[in-house]
Amino acid sequence: MNSRTFYLGIGSNVDRQLHITSCLHHLRCAFSRLQTSPVYASPSYGFKGADFHNLVVRIDTAFTPTELKIWLQQLEDLHGRDRRKPRYSDRTLDVDLLLCDQLIIDDGFVQLPRDEILKRPYVLKPLQDLAPDLLHPVAKKRLADLWQAFCQTNEFDLKPVTYR
């Protein structure tokens, strides 16, 4: 099977360091060539809650996008994710597929590239930190250029976080 390169967005605003560190451990055990961006704190979006910690990881796997999304949902469930809560609510762990090579998919279950890449600084900034020269498959621009344009037209609150 051919290996694919995926970029995953990871976030938490409940016991953030515990859940993110555990998530990274599970990803390192399961996938090859794991690379991580810096971690950023940002205000909760769409509701009043604790700040989120967010980062992006790069993995290589032979999983299809659907197989990987199912695996990631099981990982979220392992960390106490409650899918009955509203979309914008506190999260123990949120892991989203962001990009997979240059695939474009929107089948109702998997969306690649994820819309939030172009809309949310807590997704675009760590993604461009990890892969500044990567071309967004829809926008057809480098992630670093997309980040520069985002910074010129948006205000945002994003702070680097260091884990021990």
Protein backbone atom coordinates (compact mmCIF):
# COMPACT_ATOMS: atom_id res chain seq x y z
CA MET A 1 0.00 0.00 0.00
CA ASN A 2 1.11 3.52 -0.70
CA SER A 3 1.77 5.81 2.21
CA ARG A 4 -0.06 9.12 2.38
CA THR A 5 0.97 12.28 4.19
CA PHE A 6 -1.71 13.73 6.47
CA TYR A 7 -1.77 16.94 8.48
CA LEU A 8 -3.94 16.78 11.60
CA GLY A 9 -5.20 19.64 13.73
CA ILE A 10 -5.23 18.85 17.46
CA GLY A 11 -6.97 20.93 20.11
CA SER A 12 -8.12 20.77 23.71
CA ASN A 13 -9.49 23.15 26.31
CA VAL A 14 -10.07 20.64 29.13
CA ASP A 15 -6.93 19.36 30.92
CA ARG A 16 -5.16 20.58 27.80
CA GLN A 17 -1.59 19.40 28.41
CA LEU A 18 -2.71 15.98 29.65
CA HIS A 19 -4.93 15.25 26.64
CA ILE A 20 -2.60 16.69 24.02
CA THR A 21 0.44 14.88 25.43
CA SER A 22 -1.51 11.62 25.55
CA CYS A 23 -2.78 12.14 21.99
CA LEU A 24 0.77 12.68 20.74
CA HIS A 25 1.91 9.51 22.51
CA HIS A 26 -0.83 7.48 20.76
CA LEU A 27 0.03 9.02 17.39
CA ARG A 28 3.76 8.29 17.85
CA CYS A 29 2.99 4.66 18.66
CA ALA A 30 0.72 4.22 15.64
CA PHE A 31 2.27 6.24 12.81
CA SER A 32 5.64 6.88 11.23
CA ARG A 33 7.46 10.17 10.71
CA LEU A 34 5.42 12.16 13.21
CA GLN A 35 6.31 15.86 13.13
CA THR A 36 4.72 18.48 15.37
CA SER A 37 4.25 22.23 15.13
CA PRO A 38 4.53 24.54 18.11
CA VAL A 39 1.51 24.64 20.43
CA TYR A 40 -0.60 27.81 20.53
CA ALA A 41 -3.19 29.08 22.99
CA SER A 42 -6.25 30.80 21.56
CA PRO A 43 -9.61 31.88 22.93
CA SER A 44 -12.50 29.44 22.57
CA TYR A 45 -14.45 30.00 19.37
CA GLY A 46 -18.24 30.11 19.22
CA PHE A 47 -18.79 29.81 22.98
CA LYS A 48 -17.45 31.07 26.30
CA GLY A 49 -14.92 28.61 27.65
CA ALA A 50 -11.30 28.12 28.62
CA ASP A 51 -8.64 28.89 26.03
CA PHE A 52 -7.76 26.08 23.65
CA HIS A 53 -4.30 24.73 23.02
CA ASN A 54 -3.82 23.83 19.36
CA LEU A 55 -1.10 22.33 17.20
CA VAL A 56 -0.72 20.49 13.92
CA VAL A 57 1.01 17.16 13.36
CA ARG A 58 2.20 15.49 10.19
CA ILE A 59 1.97 11.72 9.86
CA ASP A 60 2.52 9.15 7.14
CA THR A 61 0.15 6.20 6.90
CA ALA A 62 -1.37 3.77 4.42
CA PHE A 63 -4.83 4.52 5.88
CA THR A 64 -7.40 6.05 3.59
CA PRO A 65 -8.85 9.38 4.77
CA THR A 66 -12.01 7.59 5.94
CA GLU A 67 -10.05 4.93 7.84
CA LEU A 68 -7.92 7.58 9.51
CA LYS A 69 -10.92 9.70 10.50
CA ILE A 70 -12.54 6.66 12.14
CA TRP A 71 -9.28 5.88 13.99
CA LEU A 72 -9.01 9.50 15.16
CA GLN A 73 -12.61 9.52 16.39
CA GLN A 74 -11.80 6.42 18.47
CA LEU A 75 -8.79 8.28 19.89
CA GLU A 76 -11.02 11.26 20.77
CA ASP A 77 -13.50 8.87 22.43
CA LEU A 78 -10.67 7.31 24.45
CA HIS A 79 -10.02 10.82 25.82
CA GLY A 80 -13.63 11.33 26.87
CA ARG A 81 -14.96 13.20 23.86
CA ASP A 82 -18.73 13.65 24.20
CA ARG A 83 -20.27 13.86 20.71
CA ARG A 84 -23.69 14.75 22.14
CA LYS A 85 -22.42 18.23 23.09
CA PRO A 86 -22.93 21.17 20.73
CA ARG A 87 -20.32 21.70 18.02
CA TYR A 88 -18.93 24.75 19.81
CA SER A 89 -18.31 23.51 23.34
CA ASP A 90 -15.52 22.40 25.68
CA ARG A 91 -13.41 19.57 24.31
CA THR A 92 -11.12 17.10 26.00
CA LEU A 93 -9.63 16.31 22.60
CA ASP A 94 -10.44 17.36 19.06
CA VAL A 95 -8.44 15.87 16.19
CA ASP A 96 -9.29 16.99 12.65
CA LEU A 97 -8.03 15.89 9.26
CA LEU A 98 -6.70 19.07 7.62
CA LEU A 99 -4.84 17.98 4.49
CA CYS A 100 -3.83 14.77 2.76
CA ASP A 101 -1.39 15.21 -0.07
CA GLN A 102 -3.32 17.24 -2.67
CA LEU A 103 -6.62 15.39 -2.21
CA ILE A 104 -9.89 17.27 -2.43
CA ILE A 105 -12.79 15.39 -0.78
CA ASP A 106 -16.13 16.48 0.65
CA ASP A 107 -18.31 13.39 1.02
CA GLY A 108 -20.27 14.34 4.14
CA PHE A 109 -17.89 12.45 6.43
CA VAL A 110 -14.42 13.54 5.30
CA GLN A 111 -13.60 17.06 4.18
CA LEU A 112 -10.14 17.67 2.69
CA PRO A 113 -8.82 20.27 2.76
CA ARG A 114 -10.66 21.36 5.90
CA ASP A 115 -12.39 24.74 5.56
CA GLU A 116 -10.98 25.99 8.88
CA ILE A 117 -7.48 26.15 7.40
CA LEU A 118 -8.33 29.40 5.61
CA LYS A 119 -10.55 30.79 8.40
CA ARG A 120 -8.93 30.10 11.78
CA PRO A 121 -5.52 31.34 12.92
CA TYR A 122 -5.16 28.44 15.39
CA VAL A 123 -5.25 26.07 12.38
CA LEU A 124 -3.37 28.04 9.71
CA LYS A 125 -0.48 29.29 11.88
CA PRO A 126 0.71 25.88 13.20
CA LEU A 127 0.07 24.32 9.79
CA GLN A 128 2.26 26.86 8.05
CA ASP A 129 4.89 26.50 10.82
CA LEU A 130 5.15 22.83 9.93
CA ALA A 131 4.91 23.09 6.14
CA PRO A 132 5.32 26.69 4.92
CA ASP A 133 5.97 25.68 1.30
CA LEU A 134 3.08 23.24 1.05
CA LEU A 135 0.53 24.24 -1.58
CA HIS A 136 -3.11 24.42 -0.44
CA PRO A 137 -4.96 22.20 -2.95
CA VAL A 138 -7.89 24.60 -3.44
CA ALA A 139 -6.36 28.06 -2.88
CA LYS A 140 -3.30 27.02 -4.95
CA LYS A 141 -1.05 29.13 -2.68
CA ARG A 142 1.75 28.25 -0.30
CA LEU A 143 0.68 28.02 3.35
CA ALA A 144 3.22 30.71 4.30
CA ASP A 145 1.66 33.10 1.77
CA LEU A 146 -1.83 32.29 3.04
CA TRP A 147 -0.67 33.05 6.60
CA GLN A 148 0.86 36.37 5.54
CA ALA A 149 -2.38 37.39 3.82
CA PHE A 150 -4.42 36.28 6.84
CA CYS A 151 -2.28 38.41 9.17
CA GLN A 152 -2.82 41.49 7.00
CA THR A 153 -6.61 41.25 7.06
CA ASN A 154 -7.51 39.73 10.45
CA GLU A 155 -7.03 40.42 14.14
CA PHE A 156 -6.49 37.40 16.36
CA ASP A 157 -5.19 36.30 19.77
CA LEU A 158 -2.66 33.48 19.44
CA LYS A 159 0.10 32.83 21.99
CA PRO A 160 2.87 30.21 21.92
CA VAL A 161 2.69 27.64 24.72
CA THR A 162 5.55 25.49 25.99
CA TYR A 163 4.94 22.08 27.54
CA ARG A 164 7.38 20.60 30.00
